[in-house]
Amino acid sequence: EYDVEEYERARDLYERLLRRTSHVKVWVSFAQFEGNVGMAE
């Protein structure tokens, strides 16, 4: 989803994943994603 620039879809996936597991690695990856989206934009 990131590669095809569907950032909202990617955010929805992170939210779905966090409902399954709130592992710290998911939170870190989500934060990196948001920073990377800012850089891409």
PDB file of all heavy atoms in Angstrom:
ATOM      1  N   GLU A   1       0.834  -1.208   0.000  1.00  0.00           N
ATOM      2  CA  GLU A   1       0.000   0.000   0.000  1.00  0.00           C
ATOM      3  C   GLU A   1       0.867   1.257   0.000  1.00  0.00           C
ATOM      4  O   GLU A   1       0.533   2.251  -0.652  1.00  0.00           O
ATOM      5  CB  GLU A   1      -0.942  -0.003   1.206  1.00  0.00           C
ATOM      6  CG  GLU A   1      -1.932  -1.155   1.252  1.00  0.00           C
ATOM      7  CD  GLU A   1      -2.973  -1.136   0.134  1.00  0.00           C
ATOM      8  OE1 GLU A   1      -2.945  -0.217  -0.715  1.00  0.00           O
ATOM      9  OE2 GLU A   1      -3.810  -2.048   0.107  1.00  0.00           O
ATOM     10  N   TYR A   2       1.992   1.206   0.702  1.00  0.00           N
ATOM     11  CA  TYR A   2       2.904   2.358   0.704  1.00  0.00           C
ATOM     12  C   TYR A   2       3.468   2.576  -0.695  1.00  0.00           C
ATOM     13  O   TYR A   2       3.527   3.720  -1.179  1.00  0.00           O
ATOM     14  CB  TYR A   2       4.036   2.126   1.705  1.00  0.00           C
ATOM     15  CG  TYR A   2       5.020   3.262   1.768  1.00  0.00           C
ATOM     16  CD1 TYR A   2       4.813   4.344   2.617  1.00  0.00           C
ATOM     17  CD2 TYR A   2       6.169   3.263   0.968  1.00  0.00           C
ATOM     18  CE1 TYR A   2       5.726   5.397   2.677  1.00  0.00           C
ATOM     19  CE2 TYR A   2       7.080   4.313   1.021  1.00  0.00           C
ATOM     20  CZ  TYR A   2       6.849   5.370   1.872  1.00  0.00           C
ATOM     21  OH  TYR A   2       7.745   6.416   1.914  1.00  0.00           O
ATOM     22  N   ASP A   3       3.869   1.514  -1.353  1.00  0.00           N
ATOM     23  CA  ASP A   3       4.482   1.630  -2.677  1.00  0.00           C
ATOM     24  C   ASP A   3       3.526   2.194  -3.712  1.00  0.00           C
ATOM     25  O   ASP A   3       3.951   2.877  -4.651  1.00  0.00           O
ATOM     26  CB  ASP A   3       5.013   0.276  -3.137  1.00  0.00           C
ATOM     27  CG  ASP A   3       6.233  -0.174  -2.353  1.00  0.00           C
ATOM     28  OD1 ASP A   3       6.869   0.684  -1.706  1.00  0.00           O
ATOM     29  OD2 ASP A   3       6.556  -1.381  -2.382  1.00  0.00           O
ATOM     30  N   VAL A   4       2.219   1.891  -3.578  1.00  0.00           N
ATOM     31  CA  VAL A   4       1.235   2.428  -4.534  1.00  0.00           C
ATOM     32  C   VAL A   4       0.623   3.733  -4.012  1.00  0.00           C
ATOM     33  O   VAL A   4      -0.357   4.225  -4.549  1.00  0.00           O
ATOM     34  CB  VAL A   4       0.141   1.394  -4.869  1.00  0.00           C
ATOM     35  CG1 VAL A   4       0.757   0.177  -5.527  1.00  0.00           C
ATOM     36  CG2 VAL A   4      -0.675   0.997  -3.645  1.00  0.00           C
ATOM     37  N   GLU A   5       1.217   4.265  -2.944  1.00  0.00           N
ATOM     38  CA  GLU A   5       0.838   5.560  -2.369  1.00  0.00           C
ATOM     39  C   GLU A   5      -0.593   5.580  -1.849  1.00  0.00           C
ATOM     40  O   GLU A   5      -1.254   6.618  -1.857  1.00  0.00           O
ATOM     41  CB  GLU A   5       1.070   6.687  -3.388  1.00  0.00           C
ATOM     42  CG  GLU A   5       2.528   6.800  -3.809  1.00  0.00           C
ATOM     43  CD  GLU A   5       2.769   7.923  -4.796  1.00  0.00           C
ATOM     44  OE1 GLU A   5       1.841   8.720  -5.038  1.00  0.00           O
ATOM     45  OE2 GLU A   5       3.890   8.017  -5.322  1.00  0.00           O
ATOM     46  N   GLU A   6      -1.054   4.445  -1.363  1.00  0.00           N
ATOM     47  CA  GLU A   6      -2.364   4.363  -0.711  1.00  0.00           C
ATOM     48  C   GLU A   6      -2.129   4.429   0.800  1.00  0.00           C
ATOM     49  O   GLU A   6      -2.271   3.454   1.528  1.00  0.00           O
ATOM     50  CB  GLU A   6      -3.073   3.058  -1.113  1.00  0.00           C
ATOM     51  CG  GLU A   6      -3.552   3.024  -2.538  1.00  0.00           C
ATOM     52  CD  GLU A   6      -4.799   3.870  -2.768  1.00  0.00           C
ATOM     53  OE1 GLU A   6      -5.348   4.415  -1.773  1.00  0.00           O
ATOM     54  OE2 GLU A   6      -5.226   3.983  -3.928  1.00  0.00           O
ATOM     55  N   TYR A   7      -1.767   5.614   1.253  1.00  0.00           N
ATOM     56  CA  TYR A   7      -1.342   5.769   2.633  1.00  0.00           C
ATOM     57  C   TYR A   7      -2.473   5.538   3.637  1.00  0.00           C
ATOM     58  O   TYR A   7      -2.241   4.990   4.719  1.00  0.00           O
ATOM     59  CB  TYR A   7      -0.728   7.151   2.836  1.00  0.00           C
ATOM     60  CG  TYR A   7       0.442   7.436   1.913  1.00  0.00           C
ATOM     61  CD1 TYR A   7       0.571   8.655   1.237  1.00  0.00           C
ATOM     62  CD2 TYR A   7       1.435   6.474   1.708  1.00  0.00           C
ATOM     63  CE1 TYR A   7       1.637   8.911   0.402  1.00  0.00           C
ATOM     64  CE2 TYR A   7       2.508   6.720   0.867  1.00  0.00           C
ATOM     65  CZ  TYR A   7       2.600   7.939   0.210  1.00  0.00           C
ATOM     66  OH  TYR A   7       3.673   8.178  -0.632  1.00  0.00           O
ATOM     67  N   GLU A   8      -3.690   5.955   3.287  1.00  0.00           N
ATOM     68  CA  GLU A   8      -4.805   5.731   4.206  1.00  0.00           C
ATOM     69  C   GLU A   8      -5.093   4.245   4.370  1.00  0.00           C
ATOM     70  O   GLU A   8      -5.410   3.780   5.464  1.00  0.00           O
ATOM     71  CB  GLU A   8      -6.055   6.465   3.715  1.00  0.00           C
ATOM     72  CG  GLU A   8      -6.059   7.949   3.999  1.00  0.00           C
ATOM     73  CD  GLU A   8      -5.939   8.253   5.499  1.00  0.00           C
ATOM     74  OE1 GLU A   8      -6.523   7.499   6.314  1.00  0.00           O
ATOM     75  OE2 GLU A   8      -5.261   9.234   5.852  1.00  0.00           O
ATOM     76  N   ARG A   9      -4.988   3.500   3.283  1.00  0.00           N
ATOM     77  CA  ARG A   9      -5.171   2.052   3.389  1.00  0.00           C
ATOM     78  C   ARG A   9      -4.103   1.436   4.290  1.00  0.00           C
ATOM     79  O   ARG A   9      -4.394   0.546   5.091  1.00  0.00           O
ATOM     80  CB  ARG A   9      -5.120   1.404   2.005  1.00  0.00           C
ATOM     81  CG  ARG A   9      -6.329   1.690   1.120  1.00  0.00           C
ATOM     82  CD  ARG A   9      -6.172   0.965  -0.214  1.00  0.00           C
ATOM     83  NE  ARG A   9      -7.259   1.228  -1.128  1.00  0.00           N
ATOM     84  CZ  ARG A   9      -8.384   0.517  -1.182  1.00  0.00           C
ATOM     85  NH1 ARG A   9      -8.557  -0.510  -0.364  1.00  0.00           N
ATOM     86  NH2 ARG A   9      -9.326   0.817  -2.048  1.00  0.00           N
ATOM     87  N   ALA A  10      -2.872   1.910   4.164  1.00  0.00           N
ATOM     88  CA  ALA A  10      -1.800   1.400   5.010  1.00  0.00           C
ATOM     89  C   ALA A  10      -2.067   1.735   6.478  1.00  0.00           C
ATOM     90  O   ALA A  10      -1.837   0.901   7.367  1.00  0.00           O
ATOM     91  CB  ALA A  10      -0.458   1.965   4.567  1.00  0.00           C
ATOM     92  N   ARG A  11      -2.560   2.945   6.737  1.00  0.00           N
ATOM     93  CA  ARG A  11      -2.897   3.305   8.123  1.00  0.00           C
ATOM     94  C   ARG A  11      -3.980   2.388   8.674  1.00  0.00           C
ATOM     95  O   ARG A  11      -3.913   1.955   9.829  1.00  0.00           O
ATOM     96  CB  ARG A  11      -3.366   4.761   8.186  1.00  0.00           C
ATOM     97  CG  ARG A  11      -2.276   5.780   7.984  1.00  0.00           C
ATOM     98  CD  ARG A  11      -2.765   7.196   8.224  1.00  0.00           C
ATOM     99  NE  ARG A  11      -1.691   8.137   7.960  1.00  0.00           N
ATOM    100  CZ  ARG A  11      -1.564   8.840   6.837  1.00  0.00           C
ATOM    101  NH1 ARG A  11      -2.478   8.720   5.869  1.00  0.00           N
ATOM    102  NH2 ARG A  11      -0.546   9.663   6.667  1.00  0.00           N
ATOM    103  N   ASP A  12      -4.978   2.108   7.863  1.00  0.00           N
ATOM    104  CA  ASP A  12      -6.043   1.204   8.300  1.00  0.00           C
ATOM    105  C   ASP A  12      -5.486  -0.183   8.638  1.00  0.00           C
ATOM    106  O   ASP A  12      -5.944  -0.828   9.592  1.00  0.00           O
ATOM    107  CB  ASP A  12      -7.116   1.075   7.218  1.00  0.00           C
ATOM    108  CG  ASP A  12      -7.938   2.345   7.055  1.00  0.00           C
ATOM    109  OD1 ASP A  12      -7.909   3.190   7.980  1.00  0.00           O
ATOM    110  OD2 ASP A  12      -8.611   2.492   6.016  1.00  0.00           O
ATOM    111  N   LEU A  13      -4.495  -0.630   7.867  1.00  0.00           N
ATOM    112  CA  LEU A  13      -3.886  -1.931   8.144  1.00  0.00           C
ATOM    113  C   LEU A  13      -3.149  -1.914   9.477  1.00  0.00           C
ATOM    114  O   LEU A  13      -3.219  -2.881  10.245  1.00  0.00           O
ATOM    115  CB  LEU A  13      -2.934  -2.322   7.013  1.00  0.00           C
ATOM    116  CG  LEU A  13      -3.590  -2.671   5.682  1.00  0.00           C
ATOM    117  CD1 LEU A  13      -2.525  -2.912   4.621  1.00  0.00           C
ATOM    118  CD2 LEU A  13      -4.485  -3.900   5.822  1.00  0.00           C
ATOM    119  N   TYR A  14      -2.434  -0.833   9.750  1.00  0.00           N
ATOM    120  CA  TYR A  14      -1.764  -0.732  11.048  1.00  0.00           C
ATOM    121  C   TYR A  14      -2.783  -0.780  12.190  1.00  0.00           C
ATOM    122  O   TYR A  14      -2.560  -1.445  13.213  1.00  0.00           O
ATOM    123  CB  TYR A  14      -0.953   0.557  11.137  1.00  0.00           C
ATOM    124  CG  TYR A  14       0.467   0.431  10.630  1.00  0.00           C
ATOM    125  CD1 TYR A  14       0.893   1.115   9.502  1.00  0.00           C
ATOM    126  CD2 TYR A  14       1.391  -0.377  11.296  1.00  0.00           C
ATOM    127  CE1 TYR A  14       2.199   1.003   9.038  1.00  0.00           C
ATOM    128  CE2 TYR A  14       2.697  -0.493  10.838  1.00  0.00           C
ATOM    129  CZ  TYR A  14       3.090   0.202   9.708  1.00  0.00           C
ATOM    130  OH  TYR A  14       4.391   0.068   9.255  1.00  0.00           O
ATOM    131  N   GLU A  15      -3.896  -0.081  12.021  1.00  0.00           N
ATOM    132  CA  GLU A  15      -4.916  -0.084  13.067  1.00  0.00           C
ATOM    133  C   GLU A  15      -5.500  -1.487  13.253  1.00  0.00           C
ATOM    134  O   GLU A  15      -5.735  -1.924  14.391  1.00  0.00           O
ATOM    135  CB  GLU A  15      -6.024   0.922  12.737  1.00  0.00           C
ATOM    136  CG  GLU A  15      -5.574   2.376  12.668  1.00  0.00           C
ATOM    137  CD  GLU A  15      -5.116   2.915  14.023  1.00  0.00           C
ATOM    138  OE1 GLU A  15      -5.332   2.247  15.055  1.00  0.00           O
ATOM    139  OE2 GLU A  15      -4.528   4.013  14.043  1.00  0.00           O
ATOM    140  N   ARG A  16      -5.731  -2.198  12.163  1.00  0.00           N
ATOM    141  CA  ARG A  16      -6.219  -3.564  12.257  1.00  0.00           C
ATOM    142  C   ARG A  16      -5.206  -4.462  12.962  1.00  0.00           C
ATOM    143  O   ARG A  16      -5.574  -5.291  13.812  1.00  0.00           O
ATOM    144  CB  ARG A  16      -6.516  -4.124  10.861  1.00  0.00           C
ATOM    145  CG  ARG A  16      -7.764  -3.584  10.209  1.00  0.00           C
ATOM    146  CD  ARG A  16      -7.914  -4.110   8.794  1.00  0.00           C
ATOM    147  NE  ARG A  16      -7.957  -5.566   8.744  1.00  0.00           N
ATOM    148  CZ  ARG A  16      -8.042  -6.268   7.607  1.00  0.00           C
ATOM    149  NH1 ARG A  16      -8.079  -5.630   6.450  1.00  0.00           N
ATOM    150  NH2 ARG A  16      -8.086  -7.578   7.642  1.00  0.00           N
ATOM    151  N   LEU A  17      -3.942  -4.279  12.614  1.00  0.00           N
ATOM    152  CA  LEU A  17      -2.892  -5.091  13.219  1.00  0.00           C
ATOM    153  C   LEU A  17      -2.773  -4.811  14.717  1.00  0.00           C
ATOM    154  O   LEU A  17      -2.586  -5.731  15.525  1.00  0.00           O
ATOM    155  CB  LEU A  17      -1.563  -4.823  12.515  1.00  0.00           C
ATOM    156  CG  LEU A  17      -0.352  -5.638  12.968  1.00  0.00           C
ATOM    157  CD1 LEU A  17      -0.643  -7.131  12.908  1.00  0.00           C
ATOM    158  CD2 LEU A  17       0.864  -5.295  12.115  1.00  0.00           C
ATOM    159  N   LEU A  18      -2.915  -3.547  15.094  1.00  0.00           N
ATOM    160  CA  LEU A  18      -2.827  -3.202  16.513  1.00  0.00           C
ATOM    161  C   LEU A  18      -3.994  -3.763  17.310  1.00  0.00           C
ATOM    162  O   LEU A  18      -3.870  -3.973  18.524  1.00  0.00           O
ATOM    163  CB  LEU A  18      -2.752  -1.683  16.682  1.00  0.00           C
ATOM    164  CG  LEU A  18      -1.402  -1.049  16.328  1.00  0.00           C
ATOM    165  CD1 LEU A  18      -1.517   0.459  16.237  1.00  0.00           C
ATOM    166  CD2 LEU A  18      -0.335  -1.459  17.340  1.00  0.00           C
ATOM    167  N   ARG A  19      -5.125  -3.995  16.652  1.00  0.00           N
ATOM    168  CA  ARG A  19      -6.236  -4.640  17.351  1.00  0.00           C
ATOM    169  C   ARG A  19      -5.941  -6.120  17.612  1.00  0.00           C
ATOM    170  O   ARG A  19      -6.535  -6.728  18.505  1.00  0.00           O
ATOM    171  CB  ARG A  19      -7.537  -4.482  16.561  1.00  0.00           C
ATOM    172  CG  ARG A  19      -8.095  -3.061  16.584  1.00  0.00           C
ATOM    173  CD  ARG A  19      -9.517  -2.998  16.103  1.00  0.00           C
ATOM    174  NE  ARG A  19      -9.655  -3.243  14.688  1.00  0.00           N
ATOM    175  CZ  ARG A  19      -9.597  -2.298  13.744  1.00  0.00           C
ATOM    176  NH1 ARG A  19      -9.372  -1.038  14.094  1.00  0.00           N
ATOM    177  NH2 ARG A  19      -9.737  -2.592  12.474  1.00  0.00           N
ATOM    178  N   ARG A  20      -5.027  -6.684  16.819  1.00  0.00           N
ATOM    179  CA  ARG A  20      -4.640  -8.080  17.020  1.00  0.00           C
ATOM    180  C   ARG A  20      -3.469  -8.212  17.983  1.00  0.00           C
ATOM    181  O   ARG A  20      -3.399  -9.135  18.773  1.00  0.00           O
ATOM    182  CB  ARG A  20      -4.259  -8.726  15.679  1.00  0.00           C
ATOM    183  CG  ARG A  20      -5.400  -8.807  14.686  1.00  0.00           C
ATOM    184  CD  ARG A  20      -5.016  -9.712  13.526  1.00  0.00           C
ATOM    185  NE  ARG A  20      -6.097  -9.833  12.556  1.00  0.00           N
ATOM    186  CZ  ARG A  20      -6.201 -10.845  11.698  1.00  0.00           C
ATOM    187  NH1 ARG A  20      -5.308 -11.814  11.696  1.00  0.00           N
ATOM    188  NH2 ARG A  20      -7.202 -10.889  10.839  1.00  0.00           N
ATOM    189  N   THR A  21      -2.526  -7.280  17.861  1.00  0.00           N
ATOM    190  CA  THR A  21      -1.346  -7.310  18.721  1.00  0.00           C
ATOM    191  C   THR A  21      -0.829  -5.894  18.892  1.00  0.00           C
ATOM    192  O   THR A  21      -0.721  -5.155  17.914  1.00  0.00           O
ATOM    193  CB  THR A  21      -0.227  -8.194  18.137  1.00  0.00           C
ATOM    194  OG1 THR A  21       0.932  -8.055  18.949  1.00  0.00           O
ATOM    195  CG2 THR A  21       0.122  -7.795  16.712  1.00  0.00           C
ATOM    196  N   SER A  22      -0.527  -5.535  20.115  1.00  0.00           N
ATOM    197  CA  SER A  22       0.032  -4.190  20.357  1.00  0.00           C
ATOM    198  C   SER A  22       1.509  -4.299  20.682  1.00  0.00           C
ATOM    199  O   SER A  22       2.034  -3.580  21.540  1.00  0.00           O
ATOM    200  CB  SER A  22      -0.723  -3.492  21.489  1.00  0.00           C
ATOM    201  OG  SER A  22      -0.653  -4.269  22.681  1.00  0.00           O
ATOM    202  N   HIS A  23       2.190  -5.179  19.979  1.00  0.00           N
ATOM    203  CA  HIS A  23       3.630  -5.367  20.174  1.00  0.00           C
ATOM    204  C   HIS A  23       4.358  -4.053  19.897  1.00  0.00           C
ATOM    205  O   HIS A  23       3.997  -3.292  18.994  1.00  0.00           O
ATOM    206  CB  HIS A  23       4.141  -6.465  19.242  1.00  0.00           C
ATOM    207  CG  HIS A  23       5.490  -6.988  19.611  1.00  0.00           C
ATOM    208  ND1 HIS A  23       6.653  -6.276  19.399  1.00  0.00           N
ATOM    209  CD2 HIS A  23       5.866  -8.159  20.184  1.00  0.00           C
ATOM    210  CE1 HIS A  23       7.681  -6.978  19.818  1.00  0.00           C
ATOM    211  NE2 HIS A  23       7.238  -8.130  20.299  1.00  0.00           N
ATOM    212  N   VAL A  24       5.401  -3.797  20.665  1.00  0.00           N
ATOM    213  CA  VAL A  24       6.131  -2.540  20.519  1.00  0.00           C
ATOM    214  C   VAL A  24       6.681  -2.376  19.106  1.00  0.00           C
ATOM    215  O   VAL A  24       6.783  -1.245  18.596  1.00  0.00           O
ATOM    216  CB  VAL A  24       7.261  -2.451  21.566  1.00  0.00           C
ATOM    217  CG1 VAL A  24       8.321  -3.510  21.327  1.00  0.00           C
ATOM    218  CG2 VAL A  24       7.874  -1.056  21.578  1.00  0.00           C
ATOM    219  N   LYS A  25       7.044  -3.483  18.435  1.00  0.00           N
ATOM    220  CA  LYS A  25       7.574  -3.374  17.078  1.00  0.00           C
ATOM    221  C   LYS A  25       6.539  -2.813  16.111  1.00  0.00           C
ATOM    222  O   LYS A  25       6.895  -2.131  15.138  1.00  0.00           O
ATOM    223  CB  LYS A  25       8.065  -4.739  16.595  1.00  0.00           C
ATOM    224  CG  LYS A  25       9.344  -5.211  17.264  1.00  0.00           C
ATOM    225  CD  LYS A  25       9.812  -6.538  16.678  1.00  0.00           C
ATOM    226  CE  LYS A  25      11.108  -6.996  17.325  1.00  0.00           C
ATOM    227  NZ  LYS A  25      11.575  -8.290  16.754  1.00  0.00           N
ATOM    228  N   VAL A  26       5.268  -3.104  16.355  1.00  0.00           N
ATOM    229  CA  VAL A  26       4.217  -2.555  15.496  1.00  0.00           C
ATOM    230  C   VAL A  26       4.100  -1.050  15.696  1.00  0.00           C
ATOM    231  O   VAL A  26       3.983  -0.281  14.734  1.00  0.00           O
ATOM    232  CB  VAL A  26       2.864  -3.244  15.771  1.00  0.00           C
ATOM    233  CG1 VAL A  26       1.775  -2.655  14.880  1.00  0.00           C
ATOM    234  CG2 VAL A  26       2.972  -4.755  15.548  1.00  0.00           C
ATOM    235  N   TRP A  27       4.158  -0.612  16.963  1.00  0.00           N
ATOM    236  CA  TRP A  27       4.108   0.828  17.227  1.00  0.00           C
ATOM    237  C   TRP A  27       5.289   1.558  16.586  1.00  0.00           C
ATOM    238  O   TRP A  27       5.122   2.622  15.983  1.00  0.00           O
ATOM    239  CB  TRP A  27       4.099   1.079  18.740  1.00  0.00           C
ATOM    240  CG  TRP A  27       2.826   0.713  19.425  1.00  0.00           C
ATOM    241  CD1 TRP A  27       2.630  -0.306  20.316  1.00  0.00           C
ATOM    242  CD2 TRP A  27       1.550   1.363  19.294  1.00  0.00           C
ATOM    243  NE1 TRP A  27       1.322  -0.339  20.737  1.00  0.00           N
ATOM    244  CE2 TRP A  27       0.642   0.689  20.133  1.00  0.00           C
ATOM    245  CE3 TRP A  27       1.104   2.455  18.549  1.00  0.00           C
ATOM    246  CZ2 TRP A  27      -0.699   1.063  20.244  1.00  0.00           C
ATOM    247  CZ3 TRP A  27      -0.240   2.832  18.654  1.00  0.00           C
ATOM    248  CH2 TRP A  27      -1.120   2.141  19.493  1.00  0.00           C
ATOM    249  N   VAL A  28       6.472   0.973  16.692  1.00  0.00           N
ATOM    250  CA  VAL A  28       7.657   1.605  16.108  1.00  0.00           C
ATOM    251  C   VAL A  28       7.545   1.658  14.593  1.00  0.00           C
ATOM    252  O   VAL A  28       7.844   2.685  13.950  1.00  0.00           O
ATOM    253  CB  VAL A  28       8.937   0.858  16.532  1.00  0.00           C
ATOM    254  CG1 VAL A  28      10.159   1.399  15.771  1.00  0.00           C
ATOM    255  CG2 VAL A  28       9.157   0.979  18.033  1.00  0.00           C
ATOM    256  N   SER A  29       7.109   0.559  13.984  1.00  0.00           N
ATOM    257  CA  SER A  29       6.952   0.525  12.531  1.00  0.00           C
ATOM    258  C   SER A  29       5.912   1.548  12.064  1.00  0.00           C
ATOM    259  O   SER A  29       6.106   2.222  11.041  1.00  0.00           O
ATOM    260  CB  SER A  29       6.540  -0.886  12.094  1.00  0.00           C
ATOM    261  OG  SER A  29       6.301  -0.931  10.706  1.00  0.00           O
ATOM    262  N   PHE A  30       4.814   1.673  12.811  1.00  0.00           N
ATOM    263  CA  PHE A  30       3.762   2.628  12.473  1.00  0.00           C
ATOM    264  C   PHE A  30       4.317   4.053  12.514  1.00  0.00           C
ATOM    265  O   PHE A  30       4.062   4.871  11.614  1.00  0.00           O
ATOM    266  CB  PHE A  30       2.599   2.455  13.444  1.00  0.00           C
ATOM    267  CG  PHE A  30       1.300   3.093  13.020  1.00  0.00           C
ATOM    268  CD1 PHE A  30       0.163   2.950  13.812  1.00  0.00           C
ATOM    269  CD2 PHE A  30       1.187   3.840  11.845  1.00  0.00           C
ATOM    270  CE1 PHE A  30      -1.043   3.525  13.442  1.00  0.00           C
ATOM    271  CE2 PHE A  30      -0.025   4.419  11.465  1.00  0.00           C
ATOM    272  CZ  PHE A  30      -1.133   4.272  12.280  1.00  0.00           C
ATOM    273  N   ALA A  31       5.089   4.361  13.543  1.00  0.00           N
ATOM    274  CA  ALA A  31       5.680   5.699  13.655  1.00  0.00           C
ATOM    275  C   ALA A  31       6.648   5.965  12.501  1.00  0.00           C
ATOM    276  O   ALA A  31       6.639   7.052  11.898  1.00  0.00           O
ATOM    277  CB  ALA A  31       6.395   5.843  14.999  1.00  0.00           C
ATOM    278  N   GLN A  32       7.473   4.987  12.175  1.00  0.00           N
ATOM    279  CA  GLN A  32       8.383   5.143  11.036  1.00  0.00           C
ATOM    280  C   GLN A  32       7.601   5.363   9.745  1.00  0.00           C
ATOM    281  O   GLN A  32       7.984   6.191   8.909  1.00  0.00           O
ATOM    282  CB  GLN A  32       9.258   3.903  10.898  1.00  0.00           C
ATOM    283  CG  GLN A  32      10.375   3.806  11.913  1.00  0.00           C
ATOM    284  CD  GLN A  32      11.221   2.568  11.679  1.00  0.00           C
ATOM    285  OE1 GLN A  32      10.735   1.447  11.713  1.00  0.00           O
ATOM    286  NE2 GLN A  32      12.502   2.777  11.430  1.00  0.00           N
ATOM    287  N   PHE A  33       6.520   4.629   9.594  1.00  0.00           N
ATOM    288  CA  PHE A  33       5.684   4.792   8.403  1.00  0.00           C
ATOM    289  C   PHE A  33       5.204   6.232   8.271  1.00  0.00           C
ATOM    290  O   PHE A  33       5.295   6.825   7.191  1.00  0.00           O
ATOM    291  CB  PHE A  33       4.493   3.831   8.486  1.00  0.00           C
ATOM    292  CG  PHE A  33       3.344   4.191   7.592  1.00  0.00           C
ATOM    293  CD1 PHE A  33       3.365   3.854   6.240  1.00  0.00           C
ATOM    294  CD2 PHE A  33       2.244   4.881   8.091  1.00  0.00           C
ATOM    295  CE1 PHE A  33       2.304   4.203   5.411  1.00  0.00           C
ATOM    296  CE2 PHE A  33       1.185   5.227   7.271  1.00  0.00           C
ATOM    297  CZ  PHE A  33       1.214   4.891   5.917  1.00  0.00           C
ATOM    298  N   GLU A  34       4.686   6.797   9.358  1.00  0.00           N
ATOM    299  CA  GLU A  34       4.163   8.167   9.281  1.00  0.00           C
ATOM    300  C   GLU A  34       5.271   9.155   8.933  1.00  0.00           C
ATOM    301  O   GLU A  34       5.063  10.076   8.134  1.00  0.00           O
ATOM    302  CB  GLU A  34       3.497   8.554  10.603  1.00  0.00           C
ATOM    303  CG  GLU A  34       2.181   7.837  10.873  1.00  0.00           C
ATOM    304  CD  GLU A  34       1.066   8.227   9.915  1.00  0.00           C
ATOM    305  OE1 GLU A  34       1.310   8.990   8.956  1.00  0.00           O
ATOM    306  OE2 GLU A  34      -0.067   7.769  10.116  1.00  0.00           O
ATOM    307  N   GLY A  35       6.447   8.960   9.504  1.00  0.00           N
ATOM    308  CA  GLY A  35       7.550   9.833   9.141  1.00  0.00           C
ATOM    309  C   GLY A  35       7.951   9.689   7.690  1.00  0.00           C
ATOM    310  O   GLY A  35       8.230  10.679   7.002  1.00  0.00           O
ATOM    311  N   ASN A  36       7.950   8.450   7.212  1.00  0.00           N
ATOM    312  CA  ASN A  36       8.301   8.206   5.809  1.00  0.00           C
ATOM    313  C   ASN A  36       7.268   8.786   4.850  1.00  0.00           C
ATOM    314  O   ASN A  36       7.621   9.263   3.766  1.00  0.00           O
ATOM    315  CB  ASN A  36       8.446   6.705   5.569  1.00  0.00           C
ATOM    316  CG  ASN A  36       9.710   6.141   6.185  1.00  0.00           C
ATOM    317  OD1 ASN A  36      10.684   6.857   6.371  1.00  0.00           O
ATOM    318  ND2 ASN A  36       9.695   4.861   6.513  1.00  0.00           N
ATOM    319  N   VAL A  37       5.987   8.728   5.238  1.00  0.00           N
ATOM    320  CA  VAL A  37       4.949   9.335   4.397  1.00  0.00           C
ATOM    321  C   VAL A  37       5.191  10.835   4.278  1.00  0.00           C
ATOM    322  O   VAL A  37       5.080  11.415   3.191  1.00  0.00           O
ATOM    323  CB  VAL A  37       3.546   9.051   4.966  1.00  0.00           C
ATOM    324  CG1 VAL A  37       2.494   9.907   4.258  1.00  0.00           C
ATOM    325  CG2 VAL A  37       3.194   7.570   4.812  1.00  0.00           C
ATOM    326  N   GLY A  38       5.541  11.467   5.385  1.00  0.00           N
ATOM    327  CA  GLY A  38       5.856  12.894   5.332  1.00  0.00           C
ATOM    328  C   GLY A  38       7.002  13.192   4.391  1.00  0.00           C
ATOM    329  O   GLY A  38       6.950  14.150   3.606  1.00  0.00           O
ATOM    330  N   MET A  39       8.043  12.360   4.441  1.00  0.00           N
ATOM    331  CA  MET A  39       9.183  12.545   3.538  1.00  0.00           C
ATOM    332  C   MET A  39       8.782  12.314   2.087  1.00  0.00           C
ATOM    333  O   MET A  39       9.220  13.040   1.177  1.00  0.00           O
ATOM    334  CB  MET A  39      10.301  11.590   3.928  1.00  0.00           C
ATOM    335  CG  MET A  39      10.888  11.830   5.312  1.00  0.00           C
ATOM    336  SD  MET A  39      11.744  13.416   5.448  1.00  0.00           S
ATOM    337  CE  MET A  39      13.201  13.077   4.449  1.00  0.00           C
ATOM    338  N   ALA A  40       7.936  11.305   1.835  1.00  0.00           N
ATOM    339  CA  ALA A  40       7.491  11.018   0.466  1.00  0.00           C
ATOM    340  C   ALA A  40       6.641  12.154  -0.082  1.00  0.00           C
ATOM    341  O   ALA A  40       6.778  12.549  -1.253  1.00  0.00           O
ATOM    342  CB  ALA A  40       6.711   9.703   0.435  1.00  0.00           C
ATOM    343  N   GLU A  41       5.761  12.688   0.760  1.00  0.00           N
ATOM    344  CA  GLU A  41       4.919  13.804   0.320  1.00  0.00           C
ATOM    345  C   GLU A  41       5.768  15.050   0.079  1.00  0.00           C
ATOM    346  O   GLU A  41       5.502  15.815  -0.862  1.00  0.00           O
ATOM    347  CB  GLU A  41       3.832  14.060   1.359  1.00  0.00           C
ATOM    348  CG  GLU A  41       2.801  12.945   1.419  1.00  0.00           C
ATOM    349  CD  GLU A  41       1.797  13.110   2.546  1.00  0.00           C
ATOM    350  OE1 GLU A  41       2.097  13.846   3.513  1.00  0.00           O
ATOM    351  OE2 GLU A  41       0.718  12.493   2.468  1.00  0.00           O
TER     352      GLU A  41
END
